[in-house]
Structure formats: structure tokens, C-alpha cells
């Protein structure tokens, strides 16, 4: 009877998890819509990390409000449970690669950034060729890049803590993997959406300049595939978060 009561309570609380995820996405979308028109229309570079953090908050809130599923009592093994045993391996490695790419691009943008037409530092890219100087913005220097790096750091710490908590708490394996997948997707949304915004902005700014030359061509050869992969990752992460139950399915 106690086991049935526990299962019923767990089933009843699953919608709370779903609504928490949807609420996080909805709040993030509203905040992004409010921020986007700011700073002369360049607020989108602030809206992206805010949207990602709201999505992470929704997923973490849903996990905190949902009791772990309990199965039949089993004998515990001596091998400690580890986070890497529950995350989807290939998807996780892809997201880690996207995170590394994001950090590299933001670092390169910070090094090459210059003041814009109004003298505001870290907002534009300035190139000189054939005796002429060109400036184009926005450019994700420190002014735009620091919020993205901060959101990446905050989401990484929060999601890492949540993954560790899920791996070590009581519950059945399927539920543990389902919860882990949802949190990986939330973290991946922060990474992939930030990379999509960064790569797209950098490519657009370079294409507005005629002095970029071979460097711009090589840079776009990196930026365009990065933007495309991150766009696909954004779609996967959103689908995983909004689905009624983040099913494990195949180990991706």
C-alpha cells in the first residue's frame, strides 16, 4: 500500500515538472522579447543568455518539485553511481565541444573588439586596408560576451550540482536517466543558443566589412558550420525540455 501511495504521488507530481519547464521557457521568451529591442536593437545578445538561464531554472525547479520514482526494494551494489553513467554520451560530448567553441569565439571577439562609433568599448570590429578604416557593430566583445560567459558559468555550476544530486539520490535508473537528460538539454540550450547568437553576429559583422579579406573568409568557414550545428542543437534541446517526459530512448 505504501509503495502504491508513493507511486501515485510521483505520478501526480509529474505535471508539476512539465509546467515548471514550460514556465521557465515562457518567462525566458518574454524576457528575451523585452530585452531584444534595447541597445539599438542589439539587446538580442543579452536576451539569449537570459532565455537560457530561465530555461535552466525551469528544469531545475521541476526536478526539485518532483519526487524521484521508487521501484521495488533491491540490494545496492558497492560501485558508486557516477554522473557520466547516466548522461547521453555522444550528445554530451557534442555539447561540450560547442561550449569550447563558444569560449574560443568569445575570447577571439574580446581580443579583436574595438570601440563603436560613439566610443563605447568592446562593441564593434574595426579593420584597416588600402588606407581606409571600417567599423561595424555589433561585435561580441567583452560588452556582449561577458554576460554570455557568466550565464555559461552559472548554468554549468547549477546543472553540474543537479546532475550530481540526481546520480546519488534514491530512485530507479530510468527515472534517473530521464531527469539527467532533461538537465543536459537545459544546459545545452544555454550553450547552443549562445553559440548561435555569437557565430551569427560575428559572421554578419564580418560580411558588412570589405577589409576582412582572407581572414574573413576563413572565419566564416568556421562560423557558418558552428551556427548550423548550434541551430540543430537548439531545436533538440527545446524539444527535449518541452516534451511531456524526457525519454531516454537510445543512448545518443
C-alpha atoms as a PDB file:
ATOM      1  CA  UNK A   1       0.000   0.000   0.000  1.00  0.00           C
ATOM      2  CA  UNK A   2       2.816   2.418   0.865  1.00  0.00           C
ATOM      3  CA  UNK A   3       4.546   1.675  -2.430  1.00  0.00           C
ATOM      4  CA  UNK A   4       1.304   2.319  -4.336  1.00  0.00           C
ATOM      5  CA  UNK A   5       0.794   5.599  -2.488  1.00  0.00           C
ATOM      6  CA  UNK A   6       4.352   6.679  -3.324  1.00  0.00           C
ATOM      7  CA  UNK A   7       3.860   5.826  -6.997  1.00  0.00           C
ATOM      8  CA  UNK A   8       0.579   7.740  -7.099  1.00  0.00           C
ATOM      9  CA  UNK A   9       2.168  10.808  -5.554  1.00  0.00           C
ATOM     10  CA  UNK A  10       5.054  10.632  -8.008  1.00  0.00           C
ATOM     11  CA  UNK A  11       2.652  10.356 -10.963  1.00  0.00           C
ATOM     12  CA  UNK A  12       0.592  13.254  -9.657  1.00  0.00           C
ATOM     13  CA  UNK A  13       3.631  15.456  -9.416  1.00  0.00           C
ATOM     14  CA  UNK A  14       4.891  14.804 -12.945  1.00  0.00           C
ATOM     15  CA  UNK A  15       2.684  17.562 -14.419  1.00  0.00           C
ATOM     16  CA  UNK A  16       4.317  19.980 -11.962  1.00  0.00           C
ATOM     17  CA  UNK A  17       7.658  19.183 -13.564  1.00  0.00           C
ATOM     18  CA  UNK A  18       6.229  19.748 -17.049  1.00  0.00           C
ATOM     19  CA  UNK A  19       4.602  23.061 -16.094  1.00  0.00           C
ATOM     20  CA  UNK A  20       7.804  24.248 -14.410  1.00  0.00           C
ATOM     21  CA  UNK A  21       9.764  23.601 -17.604  1.00  0.00           C
ATOM     22  CA  UNK A  22       7.181  25.374 -19.751  1.00  0.00           C
ATOM     23  CA  UNK A  23       7.038  28.282 -17.312  1.00  0.00           C
ATOM     24  CA  UNK A  24      10.807  28.681 -17.464  1.00  0.00           C
ATOM     25  CA  UNK A  25      10.722  28.778 -21.259  1.00  0.00           C
ATOM     26  CA  UNK A  26       7.760  31.188 -21.286  1.00  0.00           C
ATOM     27  CA  UNK A  27       9.394  33.588 -18.817  1.00  0.00           C
ATOM     28  CA  UNK A  28      12.637  33.383 -20.784  1.00  0.00           C
ATOM     29  CA  UNK A  29      10.821  34.133 -24.050  1.00  0.00           C
ATOM     30  CA  UNK A  30       9.072  37.158 -22.511  1.00  0.00           C
ATOM     31  CA  UNK A  31      12.321  38.444 -21.029  1.00  0.00           C
ATOM     32  CA  UNK A  32      14.105  37.947 -24.354  1.00  0.00           C
ATOM     33  CA  UNK A  33      11.369  39.823 -26.201  1.00  0.00           C
ATOM     34  CA  UNK A  34      11.709  42.714 -23.762  1.00  0.00           C
ATOM     35  CA  UNK A  35      15.497  42.828 -23.984  1.00  0.00           C
ATOM     36  CA  UNK A  36      15.885  42.365 -27.741  1.00  0.00           C
ATOM     37  CA  UNK A  37      14.899  45.915 -28.847  1.00  0.00           C
ATOM     38  CA  UNK A  38      17.223  47.540 -26.301  1.00  0.00           C
ATOM     39  CA  UNK A  39      20.676  48.966 -27.094  1.00  0.00           C
ATOM     40  CA  UNK A  40      19.632  49.983 -30.573  1.00  0.00           C
ATOM     41  CA  UNK A  41      18.309  46.531 -31.397  1.00  0.00           C
ATOM     42  CA  UNK A  42      21.441  44.735 -30.191  1.00  0.00           C
ATOM     43  CA  UNK A  43      19.819  43.576 -26.964  1.00  0.00           C
ATOM     44  CA  UNK A  44      19.371  40.144 -28.511  1.00  0.00           C
ATOM     45  CA  UNK A  45      22.905  39.342 -27.343  1.00  0.00           C
ATOM     46  CA  UNK A  46      21.675  39.881 -23.777  1.00  0.00           C
ATOM     47  CA  UNK A  47      18.328  38.204 -24.411  1.00  0.00           C
ATOM     48  CA  UNK A  48      19.958  34.916 -25.444  1.00  0.00           C
ATOM     49  CA  UNK A  49      21.735  34.131 -22.134  1.00  0.00           C
ATOM     50  CA  UNK A  50      18.701  35.332 -20.139  1.00  0.00           C
ATOM     51  CA  UNK A  51      16.437  32.965 -22.088  1.00  0.00           C
ATOM     52  CA  UNK A  52      18.845  30.081 -21.497  1.00  0.00           C
ATOM     53  CA  UNK A  53      19.100  30.744 -17.764  1.00  0.00           C
ATOM     54  CA  UNK A  54      15.306  30.888 -17.429  1.00  0.00           C
ATOM     55  CA  UNK A  55      15.074  27.524 -19.196  1.00  0.00           C
ATOM     56  CA  UNK A  56      17.647  26.056 -16.804  1.00  0.00           C
ATOM     57  CA  UNK A  57      15.763  27.488 -13.819  1.00  0.00           C
ATOM     58  CA  UNK A  58      12.527  25.911 -15.030  1.00  0.00           C
ATOM     59  CA  UNK A  59      14.076  22.471 -15.463  1.00  0.00           C
ATOM     60  CA  UNK A  60      15.839  22.602 -12.088  1.00  0.00           C
ATOM     61  CA  UNK A  61      12.651  23.802 -10.390  1.00  0.00           C
ATOM     62  CA  UNK A  62      10.716  20.949 -11.962  1.00  0.00           C
ATOM     63  CA  UNK A  63      13.268  18.452 -10.760  1.00  0.00           C
ATOM     64  CA  UNK A  64      13.191  19.872  -7.239  1.00  0.00           C
ATOM     65  CA  UNK A  65       9.382  19.710  -7.118  1.00  0.00           C
ATOM     66  CA  UNK A  66       9.143  16.146  -8.423  1.00  0.00           C
ATOM     67  CA  UNK A  67       9.790  13.253  -6.077  1.00  0.00           C
ATOM     68  CA  UNK A  68      12.114  10.579  -7.509  1.00  0.00           C
ATOM     69  CA  UNK A  69      10.328   7.452  -8.698  1.00  0.00           C
ATOM     70  CA  UNK A  70      10.678   4.498  -6.356  1.00  0.00           C
ATOM     71  CA  UNK A  71      10.782   0.951  -7.570  1.00  0.00           C
ATOM     72  CA  UNK A  72      10.932  -2.339  -5.718  1.00  0.00           C
ATOM     73  CA  UNK A  73      13.495  -2.627  -2.956  1.00  0.00           C
ATOM     74  CA  UNK A  74      16.758  -4.005  -4.328  1.00  0.00           C
ATOM     75  CA  UNK A  75      20.151  -4.878  -2.996  1.00  0.00           C
ATOM     76  CA  UNK A  76      22.569  -1.996  -3.522  1.00  0.00           C
ATOM     77  CA  UNK A  77      25.878  -2.687  -5.201  1.00  0.00           C
ATOM     78  CA  UNK A  78      29.229  -1.477  -3.924  1.00  0.00           C
ATOM     79  CA  UNK A  79      30.031   0.508  -7.096  1.00  0.00           C
ATOM     80  CA  UNK A  80      29.213   4.198  -6.573  1.00  0.00           C
ATOM     81  CA  UNK A  81      26.861   5.808  -9.079  1.00  0.00           C
ATOM     82  CA  UNK A  82      28.555   8.373 -11.311  1.00  0.00           C
ATOM     83  CA  UNK A  83      27.148  11.220 -13.386  1.00  0.00           C
ATOM     84  CA  UNK A  84      28.806  10.001 -16.580  1.00  0.00           C
ATOM     85  CA  UNK A  85      26.927   6.703 -16.316  1.00  0.00           C
ATOM     86  CA  UNK A  86      23.598   8.500 -16.811  1.00  0.00           C
ATOM     87  CA  UNK A  87      24.288  11.277 -19.335  1.00  0.00           C
ATOM     88  CA  UNK A  88      23.804  10.600 -23.085  1.00  0.00           C
ATOM     89  CA  UNK A  89      27.457  10.220 -24.154  1.00  0.00           C
ATOM     90  CA  UNK A  90      27.504  11.447 -27.755  1.00  0.00           C
ATOM     91  CA  UNK A  91      25.146  14.343 -27.139  1.00  0.00           C
ATOM     92  CA  UNK A  92      27.121  15.404 -24.078  1.00  0.00           C
ATOM     93  CA  UNK A  93      30.407  15.364 -25.976  1.00  0.00           C
ATOM     94  CA  UNK A  94      28.810  17.405 -28.768  1.00  0.00           C
ATOM     95  CA  UNK A  95      27.558  19.995 -26.289  1.00  0.00           C
ATOM     96  CA  UNK A  96      30.950  20.141 -24.585  1.00  0.00           C
ATOM     97  CA  UNK A  97      32.520  20.761 -27.997  1.00  0.00           C
ATOM     98  CA  UNK A  98      30.018  23.560 -28.657  1.00  0.00           C
ATOM     99  CA  UNK A  99      30.803  25.076 -25.250  1.00  0.00           C
ATOM    100  CA  UNK A 100      34.537  25.033 -26.034  1.00  0.00           C
ATOM    101  CA  UNK A 101      33.840  26.647 -29.424  1.00  0.00           C
ATOM    102  CA  UNK A 102      31.764  29.338 -27.721  1.00  0.00           C
ATOM    103  CA  UNK A 103      34.555  30.173 -25.288  1.00  0.00           C
ATOM    104  CA  UNK A 104      37.122  30.332 -28.107  1.00  0.00           C
ATOM    105  CA  UNK A 105      34.931  32.607 -30.244  1.00  0.00           C
ATOM    106  CA  UNK A 106      34.111  34.954 -27.368  1.00  0.00           C
ATOM    107  CA  UNK A 107      37.789  35.135 -26.431  1.00  0.00           C
ATOM    108  CA  UNK A 108      38.767  35.930 -30.026  1.00  0.00           C
ATOM    109  CA  UNK A 109      35.994  38.536 -30.222  1.00  0.00           C
ATOM    110  CA  UNK A 110      37.148  40.159 -26.971  1.00  0.00           C
ATOM    111  CA  UNK A 111      40.737  40.393 -28.218  1.00  0.00           C
ATOM    112  CA  UNK A 112      39.773  41.941 -31.562  1.00  0.00           C
ATOM    113  CA  UNK A 113      36.948  44.200 -30.335  1.00  0.00           C
ATOM    114  CA  UNK A 114      37.185  47.969 -30.617  1.00  0.00           C
ATOM    115  CA  UNK A 115      35.032  50.966 -29.621  1.00  0.00           C
ATOM    116  CA  UNK A 116      31.982  51.689 -31.744  1.00  0.00           C
ATOM    117  CA  UNK A 117      31.148  54.996 -33.447  1.00  0.00           C
ATOM    118  CA  UNK A 118      30.145  56.506 -30.104  1.00  0.00           C
ATOM    119  CA  UNK A 119      33.394  55.419 -28.417  1.00  0.00           C
ATOM    120  CA  UNK A 120      31.824  52.621 -26.373  1.00  0.00           C
ATOM    121  CA  UNK A 121      34.438  49.906 -25.870  1.00  0.00           C
ATOM    122  CA  UNK A 122      34.009  46.270 -26.791  1.00  0.00           C
ATOM    123  CA  UNK A 123      31.051  46.712 -29.143  1.00  0.00           C
ATOM    124  CA  UNK A 124      32.494  46.861 -32.659  1.00  0.00           C
ATOM    125  CA  UNK A 125      35.113  45.492 -35.033  1.00  0.00           C
ATOM    126  CA  UNK A 126      37.477  47.891 -36.797  1.00  0.00           C
ATOM    127  CA  UNK A 127      39.620  46.908 -39.791  1.00  0.00           C
ATOM    128  CA  UNK A 128      42.023  48.929 -41.902  1.00  0.00           C
ATOM    129  CA  UNK A 129      43.003  48.259 -45.511  1.00  0.00           C
ATOM    130  CA  UNK A 130      44.150  50.298 -48.521  1.00  0.00           C
ATOM    131  CA  UNK A 131      44.415  53.381 -46.354  1.00  0.00           C
ATOM    132  CA  UNK A 132      40.770  53.174 -45.252  1.00  0.00           C
ATOM    133  CA  UNK A 133      39.320  52.247 -41.862  1.00  0.00           C
ATOM    134  CA  UNK A 134      35.998  50.454 -41.471  1.00  0.00           C
ATOM    135  CA  UNK A 135      33.978  49.864 -38.323  1.00  0.00           C
ATOM    136  CA  UNK A 136      30.965  47.594 -37.956  1.00  0.00           C
ATOM    137  CA  UNK A 137      28.868  46.523 -34.993  1.00  0.00           C
ATOM    138  CA  UNK A 138      27.594  44.709 -33.043  1.00  0.00           C
ATOM    139  CA  UNK A 139      30.645  42.613 -32.249  1.00  0.00           C
ATOM    140  CA  UNK A 140      30.541  40.224 -29.259  1.00  0.00           C
ATOM    141  CA  UNK A 141      33.447  41.740 -27.370  1.00  0.00           C
ATOM    142  CA  UNK A 142      33.504  41.953 -23.598  1.00  0.00           C
ATOM    143  CA  UNK A 143      30.454  44.211 -23.521  1.00  0.00           C
ATOM    144  CA  UNK A 144      28.294  41.485 -25.036  1.00  0.00           C
ATOM    145  CA  UNK A 145      30.472  38.466 -24.332  1.00  0.00           C
ATOM    146  CA  UNK A 146      30.757  38.742 -20.554  1.00  0.00           C
ATOM    147  CA  UNK A 147      27.012  38.118 -19.956  1.00  0.00           C
ATOM    148  CA  UNK A 148      27.223  35.005 -22.142  1.00  0.00           C
ATOM    149  CA  UNK A 149      30.280  33.717 -20.303  1.00  0.00           C
ATOM    150  CA  UNK A 150      28.624  34.490 -16.964  1.00  0.00           C
ATOM    151  CA  UNK A 151      25.456  32.606 -17.959  1.00  0.00           C
ATOM    152  CA  UNK A 152      27.589  29.680 -19.119  1.00  0.00           C
ATOM    153  CA  UNK A 153      29.428  29.594 -15.793  1.00  0.00           C
ATOM    154  CA  UNK A 154      26.240  29.864 -13.709  1.00  0.00           C
ATOM    155  CA  UNK A 155      24.367  27.229 -15.715  1.00  0.00           C
ATOM    156  CA  UNK A 156      27.342  24.868 -15.681  1.00  0.00           C
ATOM    157  CA  UNK A 157      27.635  25.082 -11.902  1.00  0.00           C
ATOM    158  CA  UNK A 158      23.893  24.714 -11.306  1.00  0.00           C
ATOM    159  CA  UNK A 159      23.410  21.854 -13.752  1.00  0.00           C
ATOM    160  CA  UNK A 160      26.554  20.088 -12.548  1.00  0.00           C
ATOM    161  CA  UNK A 161      25.266  20.204  -8.990  1.00  0.00           C
ATOM    162  CA  UNK A 162      21.862  18.915 -10.122  1.00  0.00           C
ATOM    163  CA  UNK A 163      23.407  16.039 -12.088  1.00  0.00           C
ATOM    164  CA  UNK A 164      25.458  15.020  -9.066  1.00  0.00           C
ATOM    165  CA  UNK A 165      22.355  15.175  -6.857  1.00  0.00           C
ATOM    166  CA  UNK A 166      20.352  13.011  -9.252  1.00  0.00           C
ATOM    167  CA  UNK A 167      23.130  10.437  -9.570  1.00  0.00           C
ATOM    168  CA  UNK A 168      23.421   9.939  -5.823  1.00  0.00           C
ATOM    169  CA  UNK A 169      19.809  10.207  -4.635  1.00  0.00           C
ATOM    170  CA  UNK A 170      17.423   7.237  -4.289  1.00  0.00           C
ATOM    171  CA  UNK A 171      15.275   6.284  -7.266  1.00  0.00           C
ATOM    172  CA  UNK A 172      15.067   3.905 -10.186  1.00  0.00           C
ATOM    173  CA  UNK A 173      17.568   4.009 -13.058  1.00  0.00           C
ATOM    174  CA  UNK A 174      15.098   5.002 -15.769  1.00  0.00           C
ATOM    175  CA  UNK A 175      13.849   7.983 -13.797  1.00  0.00           C
ATOM    176  CA  UNK A 176      17.418   8.992 -13.009  1.00  0.00           C
ATOM    177  CA  UNK A 177      18.349   8.927 -16.695  1.00  0.00           C
ATOM    178  CA  UNK A 178      15.204  10.825 -17.687  1.00  0.00           C
ATOM    179  CA  UNK A 179      15.983  13.598 -15.208  1.00  0.00           C
ATOM    180  CA  UNK A 180      19.622  13.694 -16.276  1.00  0.00           C
ATOM    181  CA  UNK A 181      18.653  14.033 -19.936  1.00  0.00           C
ATOM    182  CA  UNK A 182      16.382  16.984 -19.194  1.00  0.00           C
ATOM    183  CA  UNK A 183      19.138  18.815 -17.316  1.00  0.00           C
ATOM    184  CA  UNK A 184      21.697  18.117 -20.038  1.00  0.00           C
ATOM    185  CA  UNK A 185      19.215  19.576 -22.542  1.00  0.00           C
ATOM    186  CA  UNK A 186      18.708  22.692 -20.404  1.00  0.00           C
ATOM    187  CA  UNK A 187      22.459  23.263 -20.153  1.00  0.00           C
ATOM    188  CA  UNK A 188      22.787  22.537 -23.854  1.00  0.00           C
ATOM    189  CA  UNK A 189      20.196  25.217 -24.612  1.00  0.00           C
ATOM    190  CA  UNK A 190      22.355  27.829 -22.868  1.00  0.00           C
ATOM    191  CA  UNK A 191      25.415  26.674 -24.798  1.00  0.00           C
ATOM    192  CA  UNK A 192      23.868  26.227 -28.238  1.00  0.00           C
ATOM    193  CA  UNK A 193      21.734  29.390 -28.209  1.00  0.00           C
ATOM    194  CA  UNK A 194      24.710  31.475 -27.063  1.00  0.00           C
ATOM    195  CA  UNK A 195      26.907  29.960 -29.765  1.00  0.00           C
ATOM    196  CA  UNK A 196      24.208  30.535 -32.394  1.00  0.00           C
ATOM    197  CA  UNK A 197      23.950  34.205 -31.431  1.00  0.00           C
ATOM    198  CA  UNK A 198      27.713  34.673 -31.232  1.00  0.00           C
ATOM    199  CA  UNK A 199      28.539  32.961 -34.533  1.00  0.00           C
ATOM    200  CA  UNK A 200      25.706  34.685 -36.386  1.00  0.00           C
ATOM    201  CA  UNK A 201      26.650  38.117 -35.050  1.00  0.00           C
ATOM    202  CA  UNK A 202      30.332  37.694 -35.844  1.00  0.00           C
ATOM    203  CA  UNK A 203      29.587  36.446 -39.362  1.00  0.00           C
ATOM    204  CA  UNK A 204      27.127  39.271 -40.043  1.00  0.00           C
ATOM    205  CA  UNK A 205      29.595  41.904 -38.867  1.00  0.00           C
ATOM    206  CA  UNK A 206      32.413  40.468 -40.990  1.00  0.00           C
ATOM    207  CA  UNK A 207      30.177  40.425 -44.048  1.00  0.00           C
ATOM    208  CA  UNK A 208      29.489  44.140 -43.553  1.00  0.00           C
ATOM    209  CA  UNK A 209      33.204  44.888 -43.918  1.00  0.00           C
ATOM    210  CA  UNK A 210      35.173  44.853 -47.156  1.00  0.00           C
ATOM    211  CA  UNK A 211      38.545  44.777 -45.382  1.00  0.00           C
ATOM    212  CA  UNK A 212      38.110  41.319 -43.888  1.00  0.00           C
ATOM    213  CA  UNK A 213      39.802  39.632 -46.879  1.00  0.00           C
ATOM    214  CA  UNK A 214      41.114  36.105 -46.476  1.00  0.00           C
ATOM    215  CA  UNK A 215      40.755  36.289 -42.702  1.00  0.00           C
ATOM    216  CA  UNK A 216      37.038  36.945 -43.012  1.00  0.00           C
ATOM    217  CA  UNK A 217      36.612  34.101 -45.497  1.00  0.00           C
ATOM    218  CA  UNK A 218      38.384  31.654 -43.189  1.00  0.00           C
ATOM    219  CA  UNK A 219      36.448  32.931 -40.176  1.00  0.00           C
ATOM    220  CA  UNK A 220      33.111  32.480 -41.940  1.00  0.00           C
ATOM    221  CA  UNK A 221      34.135  28.952 -42.909  1.00  0.00           C
ATOM    222  CA  UNK A 222      34.217  28.246 -39.158  1.00  0.00           C
ATOM    223  CA  UNK A 223      31.314  30.454 -38.098  1.00  0.00           C
ATOM    224  CA  UNK A 224      28.691  29.170 -40.534  1.00  0.00           C
ATOM    225  CA  UNK A 225      29.043  25.460 -39.648  1.00  0.00           C
ATOM    226  CA  UNK A 226      29.151  26.398 -35.960  1.00  0.00           C
ATOM    227  CA  UNK A 227      25.908  28.350 -36.323  1.00  0.00           C
ATOM    228  CA  UNK A 228      24.252  25.494 -38.230  1.00  0.00           C
ATOM    229  CA  UNK A 229      25.229  22.824 -35.688  1.00  0.00           C
ATOM    230  CA  UNK A 230      24.160  25.043 -32.807  1.00  0.00           C
ATOM    231  CA  UNK A 231      20.798  25.674 -34.506  1.00  0.00           C
ATOM    232  CA  UNK A 232      20.167  21.925 -34.683  1.00  0.00           C
ATOM    233  CA  UNK A 233      21.268  21.592 -31.045  1.00  0.00           C
ATOM    234  CA  UNK A 234      18.860  24.375 -30.001  1.00  0.00           C
ATOM    235  CA  UNK A 235      15.973  22.526 -31.671  1.00  0.00           C
ATOM    236  CA  UNK A 236      16.894  19.233 -29.946  1.00  0.00           C
ATOM    237  CA  UNK A 237      17.253  20.886 -26.548  1.00  0.00           C
ATOM    238  CA  UNK A 238      13.927  22.689 -26.841  1.00  0.00           C
ATOM    239  CA  UNK A 239      12.139  19.513 -27.935  1.00  0.00           C
ATOM    240  CA  UNK A 240      13.613  17.591 -25.016  1.00  0.00           C
ATOM    241  CA  UNK A 241      12.631  20.249 -22.493  1.00  0.00           C
ATOM    242  CA  UNK A 242       9.039  20.746 -23.672  1.00  0.00           C
ATOM    243  CA  UNK A 243       8.273  17.060 -24.179  1.00  0.00           C
ATOM    244  CA  UNK A 244       5.928  15.646 -21.502  1.00  0.00           C
ATOM    245  CA  UNK A 245       8.616  13.239 -20.394  1.00  0.00           C
ATOM    246  CA  UNK A 246      12.256  13.409 -21.451  1.00  0.00           C
ATOM    247  CA  UNK A 247      12.541   9.800 -22.522  1.00  0.00           C
ATOM    248  CA  UNK A 248      15.916   8.172 -22.663  1.00  0.00           C
ATOM    249  CA  UNK A 249      15.241   6.125 -25.783  1.00  0.00           C
ATOM    250  CA  UNK A 250      18.517   5.402 -27.490  1.00  0.00           C
ATOM    251  CA  UNK A 251      21.782   6.468 -25.936  1.00  0.00           C
ATOM    252  CA  UNK A 252      22.657   9.281 -28.299  1.00  0.00           C
END
